[in-house]
């Protein structure tokens, strides 16, 4: 019995060790800390530079055929949150996005400001602390514009999120905060 338990434990541990866990880092975002003015929106009473943050990821599954980035504020007073950035079809060889630069070869979709590309944080004045979740997803498909849930740059951000989650193999998130 002891040998059987030892064997089962070894198998389980070897499987866990073989599975890489995605990690996400950024020189522009510090987990749990306020977002810098460079990443804040520059309209609707906010005065930031509206520059998308640097994101660097590692540990993605070898089966990843592309990546997606979703930036979301779950605390927006909409009943459904607020999408700040949706990027998909990021080529599989990519592991970094530079500050203020969309990933080469990727598709940037519409954010909830109605704009294509990055829309920085701009929580309502007096609305308390808002969380901003920047998540990179490793996907099982190379092109989200084809397949069971085809999307485009004009698709609503929630639909892009649906397609990304349907194809996700793994993900990593950095959460920062902002308030006015």
C-alpha atoms as a PDB file:
ATOM      1  CA  UNK A   1       0.000   0.000   0.000  1.00  0.00           C
ATOM      2  CA  UNK A   2       2.819   2.378   0.912  1.00  0.00           C
ATOM      3  CA  UNK A   3       4.535   1.717  -2.429  1.00  0.00           C
ATOM      4  CA  UNK A   4       1.277   2.430  -4.264  1.00  0.00           C
ATOM      5  CA  UNK A   5       0.798   5.756  -2.441  1.00  0.00           C
ATOM      6  CA  UNK A   6       4.420   6.722  -3.079  1.00  0.00           C
ATOM      7  CA  UNK A   7       4.030   5.905  -6.780  1.00  0.00           C
ATOM      8  CA  UNK A   8       0.791   7.912  -7.057  1.00  0.00           C
ATOM      9  CA  UNK A   9       2.390  10.876  -5.271  1.00  0.00           C
ATOM     10  CA  UNK A  10       5.419  10.738  -7.592  1.00  0.00           C
ATOM     11  CA  UNK A  11       3.195  10.690 -10.669  1.00  0.00           C
ATOM     12  CA  UNK A  12       1.130  13.624  -9.421  1.00  0.00           C
ATOM     13  CA  UNK A  13       4.204  15.646  -8.475  1.00  0.00           C
ATOM     14  CA  UNK A  14       5.958  14.946 -11.765  1.00  0.00           C
ATOM     15  CA  UNK A  15       2.883  16.128 -13.653  1.00  0.00           C
ATOM     16  CA  UNK A  16       2.727  19.326 -11.606  1.00  0.00           C
ATOM     17  CA  UNK A  17       6.433  19.953 -12.108  1.00  0.00           C
ATOM     18  CA  UNK A  18       6.142  19.325 -15.853  1.00  0.00           C
ATOM     19  CA  UNK A  19       3.377  21.916 -16.191  1.00  0.00           C
ATOM     20  CA  UNK A  20       4.887  25.380 -16.385  1.00  0.00           C
ATOM     21  CA  UNK A  21       2.932  28.125 -14.733  1.00  0.00           C
ATOM     22  CA  UNK A  22       2.651  31.389 -16.625  1.00  0.00           C
ATOM     23  CA  UNK A  23       4.157  34.457 -15.011  1.00  0.00           C
ATOM     24  CA  UNK A  24       3.613  38.106 -15.887  1.00  0.00           C
ATOM     25  CA  UNK A  25       5.850  41.066 -15.033  1.00  0.00           C
ATOM     26  CA  UNK A  26       5.929  44.760 -15.914  1.00  0.00           C
ATOM     27  CA  UNK A  27       8.195  47.712 -15.249  1.00  0.00           C
ATOM     28  CA  UNK A  28       5.070  49.909 -15.521  1.00  0.00           C
ATOM     29  CA  UNK A  29       2.712  47.997 -13.200  1.00  0.00           C
ATOM     30  CA  UNK A  30       3.384  46.957  -9.599  1.00  0.00           C
ATOM     31  CA  UNK A  31       0.846  44.446  -8.252  1.00  0.00           C
ATOM     32  CA  UNK A  32      -1.515  46.013  -5.724  1.00  0.00           C
ATOM     33  CA  UNK A  33      -0.103  49.508  -6.223  1.00  0.00           C
ATOM     34  CA  UNK A  34      -1.626  52.611  -7.864  1.00  0.00           C
ATOM     35  CA  UNK A  35      -1.308  52.862 -11.620  1.00  0.00           C
ATOM     36  CA  UNK A  36       1.196  55.486 -12.839  1.00  0.00           C
ATOM     37  CA  UNK A  37      -0.109  58.555 -14.672  1.00  0.00           C
ATOM     38  CA  UNK A  38       1.496  57.211 -17.855  1.00  0.00           C
ATOM     39  CA  UNK A  39      -1.153  54.454 -17.939  1.00  0.00           C
ATOM     40  CA  UNK A  40      -4.131  56.714 -17.076  1.00  0.00           C
ATOM     41  CA  UNK A  41      -6.662  57.814 -19.698  1.00  0.00           C
ATOM     42  CA  UNK A  42      -6.452  61.313 -21.150  1.00  0.00           C
ATOM     43  CA  UNK A  43     -10.161  62.183 -21.491  1.00  0.00           C
ATOM     44  CA  UNK A  44     -13.332  62.269 -19.387  1.00  0.00           C
ATOM     45  CA  UNK A  45     -11.630  64.396 -16.738  1.00  0.00           C
ATOM     46  CA  UNK A  46      -8.512  62.222 -16.515  1.00  0.00           C
ATOM     47  CA  UNK A  47      -5.112  63.612 -17.467  1.00  0.00           C
ATOM     48  CA  UNK A  48      -2.805  60.674 -18.120  1.00  0.00           C
ATOM     49  CA  UNK A  49      -0.547  59.777 -21.018  1.00  0.00           C
ATOM     50  CA  UNK A  50      -2.768  56.817 -22.017  1.00  0.00           C
ATOM     51  CA  UNK A  51       0.260  54.606 -22.740  1.00  0.00           C
ATOM     52  CA  UNK A  52      -0.301  50.873 -22.624  1.00  0.00           C
ATOM     53  CA  UNK A  53       2.008  49.204 -20.081  1.00  0.00           C
ATOM     54  CA  UNK A  54       4.994  47.020 -20.757  1.00  0.00           C
ATOM     55  CA  UNK A  55       4.073  43.352 -20.220  1.00  0.00           C
ATOM     56  CA  UNK A  56       6.568  40.474 -20.157  1.00  0.00           C
ATOM     57  CA  UNK A  57       5.405  36.875 -19.786  1.00  0.00           C
ATOM     58  CA  UNK A  58       7.048  33.491 -19.405  1.00  0.00           C
ATOM     59  CA  UNK A  59       6.162  29.917 -18.567  1.00  0.00           C
ATOM     60  CA  UNK A  60       3.437  29.577 -21.181  1.00  0.00           C
ATOM     61  CA  UNK A  61       2.431  26.080 -22.300  1.00  0.00           C
ATOM     62  CA  UNK A  62       4.416  24.829 -25.277  1.00  0.00           C
ATOM     63  CA  UNK A  63       1.101  24.165 -27.038  1.00  0.00           C
ATOM     64  CA  UNK A  64       0.301  27.907 -27.151  1.00  0.00           C
ATOM     65  CA  UNK A  65      -0.390  29.006 -30.728  1.00  0.00           C
ATOM     66  CA  UNK A  66      -1.055  32.666 -29.911  1.00  0.00           C
ATOM     67  CA  UNK A  67      -1.655  35.052 -27.026  1.00  0.00           C
ATOM     68  CA  UNK A  68      -4.240  37.614 -26.011  1.00  0.00           C
ATOM     69  CA  UNK A  69      -4.175  40.519 -23.571  1.00  0.00           C
ATOM     70  CA  UNK A  70      -7.280  41.677 -21.736  1.00  0.00           C
ATOM     71  CA  UNK A  71      -7.308  44.671 -19.379  1.00  0.00           C
ATOM     72  CA  UNK A  72     -10.446  44.951 -17.272  1.00  0.00           C
ATOM     73  CA  UNK A  73     -11.888  47.042 -14.411  1.00  0.00           C
ATOM     74  CA  UNK A  74     -14.346  44.811 -12.511  1.00  0.00           C
ATOM     75  CA  UNK A  75     -15.299  47.737 -10.227  1.00  0.00           C
ATOM     76  CA  UNK A  76     -16.713  50.055 -12.910  1.00  0.00           C
ATOM     77  CA  UNK A  77     -20.274  51.125 -12.041  1.00  0.00           C
ATOM     78  CA  UNK A  78     -21.792  49.475 -15.105  1.00  0.00           C
ATOM     79  CA  UNK A  79     -22.979  46.149 -13.723  1.00  0.00           C
ATOM     80  CA  UNK A  80     -20.585  44.426 -16.108  1.00  0.00           C
ATOM     81  CA  UNK A  81     -17.196  46.083 -15.535  1.00  0.00           C
ATOM     82  CA  UNK A  82     -15.171  48.050 -18.101  1.00  0.00           C
ATOM     83  CA  UNK A  83     -12.834  46.767 -20.820  1.00  0.00           C
ATOM     84  CA  UNK A  84      -9.722  48.933 -21.211  1.00  0.00           C
ATOM     85  CA  UNK A  85      -7.730  46.869 -23.696  1.00  0.00           C
ATOM     86  CA  UNK A  86      -8.396  43.807 -25.831  1.00  0.00           C
ATOM     87  CA  UNK A  87      -5.585  42.432 -27.983  1.00  0.00           C
ATOM     88  CA  UNK A  88      -5.614  39.051 -29.706  1.00  0.00           C
ATOM     89  CA  UNK A  89      -3.807  36.983 -32.354  1.00  0.00           C
ATOM     90  CA  UNK A  90      -0.480  37.898 -30.758  1.00  0.00           C
ATOM     91  CA  UNK A  91       2.010  35.565 -32.507  1.00  0.00           C
ATOM     92  CA  UNK A  92       3.182  32.542 -30.522  1.00  0.00           C
ATOM     93  CA  UNK A  93       6.841  33.650 -30.508  1.00  0.00           C
ATOM     94  CA  UNK A  94       5.975  36.845 -28.635  1.00  0.00           C
ATOM     95  CA  UNK A  95       6.681  37.175 -24.925  1.00  0.00           C
ATOM     96  CA  UNK A  96       6.851  40.950 -24.482  1.00  0.00           C
ATOM     97  CA  UNK A  97       4.881  44.077 -25.258  1.00  0.00           C
ATOM     98  CA  UNK A  98       6.708  47.399 -24.920  1.00  0.00           C
ATOM     99  CA  UNK A  99       5.239  50.469 -23.227  1.00  0.00           C
ATOM    100  CA  UNK A 100       2.903  52.378 -25.538  1.00  0.00           C
ATOM    101  CA  UNK A 101       3.330  49.906 -28.393  1.00  0.00           C
ATOM    102  CA  UNK A 102       0.765  47.338 -29.524  1.00  0.00           C
ATOM    103  CA  UNK A 103       2.141  43.850 -30.142  1.00  0.00           C
ATOM    104  CA  UNK A 104       3.426  43.418 -33.694  1.00  0.00           C
ATOM    105  CA  UNK A 105       1.156  41.259 -35.851  1.00  0.00           C
ATOM    106  CA  UNK A 106      -1.734  41.362 -33.357  1.00  0.00           C
ATOM    107  CA  UNK A 107      -5.276  42.709 -33.568  1.00  0.00           C
ATOM    108  CA  UNK A 108      -6.322  45.448 -31.137  1.00  0.00           C
ATOM    109  CA  UNK A 109     -10.041  45.548 -30.559  1.00  0.00           C
ATOM    110  CA  UNK A 110     -12.437  48.183 -29.276  1.00  0.00           C
ATOM    111  CA  UNK A 111     -12.359  49.069 -25.617  1.00  0.00           C
ATOM    112  CA  UNK A 112     -15.398  50.306 -23.692  1.00  0.00           C
ATOM    113  CA  UNK A 113     -14.453  53.917 -24.466  1.00  0.00           C
ATOM    114  CA  UNK A 114     -15.404  52.983 -28.051  1.00  0.00           C
ATOM    115  CA  UNK A 115     -11.811  53.337 -29.231  1.00  0.00           C
ATOM    116  CA  UNK A 116      -9.491  50.819 -30.840  1.00  0.00           C
ATOM    117  CA  UNK A 117      -6.444  50.151 -28.698  1.00  0.00           C
ATOM    118  CA  UNK A 118      -5.543  50.927 -25.120  1.00  0.00           C
ATOM    119  CA  UNK A 119      -7.755  53.116 -22.941  1.00  0.00           C
ATOM    120  CA  UNK A 120      -6.165  53.854 -19.583  1.00  0.00           C
ATOM    121  CA  UNK A 121      -7.699  53.953 -16.137  1.00  0.00           C
ATOM    122  CA  UNK A 122     -10.206  56.732 -15.461  1.00  0.00           C
ATOM    123  CA  UNK A 123     -12.408  55.754 -12.529  1.00  0.00           C
ATOM    124  CA  UNK A 124     -15.311  58.065 -11.682  1.00  0.00           C
ATOM    125  CA  UNK A 125     -14.383  60.902  -9.308  1.00  0.00           C
ATOM    126  CA  UNK A 126     -15.325  59.913  -5.759  1.00  0.00           C
ATOM    127  CA  UNK A 127     -16.021  56.324  -6.844  1.00  0.00           C
ATOM    128  CA  UNK A 128     -13.424  54.749  -4.572  1.00  0.00           C
ATOM    129  CA  UNK A 129     -10.605  52.404  -5.465  1.00  0.00           C
ATOM    130  CA  UNK A 130     -10.911  50.469  -8.723  1.00  0.00           C
ATOM    131  CA  UNK A 131      -8.925  47.345  -9.600  1.00  0.00           C
ATOM    132  CA  UNK A 132      -7.377  47.006 -13.045  1.00  0.00           C
ATOM    133  CA  UNK A 133      -6.544  43.468 -14.137  1.00  0.00           C
ATOM    134  CA  UNK A 134      -4.027  43.017 -16.948  1.00  0.00           C
ATOM    135  CA  UNK A 135      -4.091  39.388 -18.065  1.00  0.00           C
ATOM    136  CA  UNK A 136      -2.092  37.612 -20.753  1.00  0.00           C
ATOM    137  CA  UNK A 137      -3.662  34.393 -22.049  1.00  0.00           C
ATOM    138  CA  UNK A 138      -1.888  31.550 -23.853  1.00  0.00           C
ATOM    139  CA  UNK A 139      -4.312  30.272 -26.497  1.00  0.00           C
ATOM    140  CA  UNK A 140      -4.809  26.928 -28.229  1.00  0.00           C
ATOM    141  CA  UNK A 141      -5.551  28.617 -31.572  1.00  0.00           C
ATOM    142  CA  UNK A 142      -3.447  30.899 -33.771  1.00  0.00           C
ATOM    143  CA  UNK A 143      -6.295  33.002 -35.149  1.00  0.00           C
ATOM    144  CA  UNK A 144      -9.431  33.970 -33.222  1.00  0.00           C
ATOM    145  CA  UNK A 145     -11.010  35.440 -36.357  1.00  0.00           C
ATOM    146  CA  UNK A 146     -11.672  31.873 -37.518  1.00  0.00           C
ATOM    147  CA  UNK A 147     -13.283  28.908 -35.834  1.00  0.00           C
ATOM    148  CA  UNK A 148     -16.242  28.321 -33.547  1.00  0.00           C
ATOM    149  CA  UNK A 149     -16.405  31.869 -32.131  1.00  0.00           C
ATOM    150  CA  UNK A 150     -14.969  34.144 -34.834  1.00  0.00           C
ATOM    151  CA  UNK A 151     -14.251  37.694 -33.711  1.00  0.00           C
ATOM    152  CA  UNK A 152     -12.853  40.819 -35.347  1.00  0.00           C
ATOM    153  CA  UNK A 153     -11.372  44.148 -34.293  1.00  0.00           C
ATOM    154  CA  UNK A 154     -14.953  45.483 -34.252  1.00  0.00           C
ATOM    155  CA  UNK A 155     -16.311  42.745 -31.973  1.00  0.00           C
ATOM    156  CA  UNK A 156     -17.506  43.912 -28.553  1.00  0.00           C
ATOM    157  CA  UNK A 157     -14.846  43.435 -25.884  1.00  0.00           C
ATOM    158  CA  UNK A 158     -17.085  40.982 -24.001  1.00  0.00           C
ATOM    159  CA  UNK A 159     -17.276  38.790 -27.129  1.00  0.00           C
ATOM    160  CA  UNK A 160     -13.486  38.920 -27.490  1.00  0.00           C
ATOM    161  CA  UNK A 161     -13.206  37.872 -23.843  1.00  0.00           C
ATOM    162  CA  UNK A 162     -15.600  34.976 -24.481  1.00  0.00           C
ATOM    163  CA  UNK A 163     -13.519  33.723 -27.428  1.00  0.00           C
ATOM    164  CA  UNK A 164     -10.269  34.154 -25.478  1.00  0.00           C
ATOM    165  CA  UNK A 165     -11.590  32.198 -22.494  1.00  0.00           C
ATOM    166  CA  UNK A 166     -12.866  29.426 -24.803  1.00  0.00           C
ATOM    167  CA  UNK A 167      -9.358  28.987 -26.250  1.00  0.00           C
ATOM    168  CA  UNK A 168      -7.284  29.641 -23.105  1.00  0.00           C
ATOM    169  CA  UNK A 169      -4.629  27.138 -22.069  1.00  0.00           C
ATOM    170  CA  UNK A 170      -3.205  29.239 -19.233  1.00  0.00           C
ATOM    171  CA  UNK A 171      -2.980  32.852 -18.095  1.00  0.00           C
ATOM    172  CA  UNK A 172      -1.179  35.254 -15.781  1.00  0.00           C
ATOM    173  CA  UNK A 173      -2.483  38.497 -14.256  1.00  0.00           C
ATOM    174  CA  UNK A 174      -1.162  41.675 -12.694  1.00  0.00           C
ATOM    175  CA  UNK A 175      -3.733  43.688 -10.742  1.00  0.00           C
ATOM    176  CA  UNK A 176      -3.166  47.376  -9.965  1.00  0.00           C
ATOM    177  CA  UNK A 177      -5.449  50.070  -8.575  1.00  0.00           C
ATOM    178  CA  UNK A 178      -6.536  53.645  -9.268  1.00  0.00           C
ATOM    179  CA  UNK A 179      -8.965  56.183  -7.832  1.00  0.00           C
ATOM    180  CA  UNK A 180      -9.903  59.870  -8.247  1.00  0.00           C
END
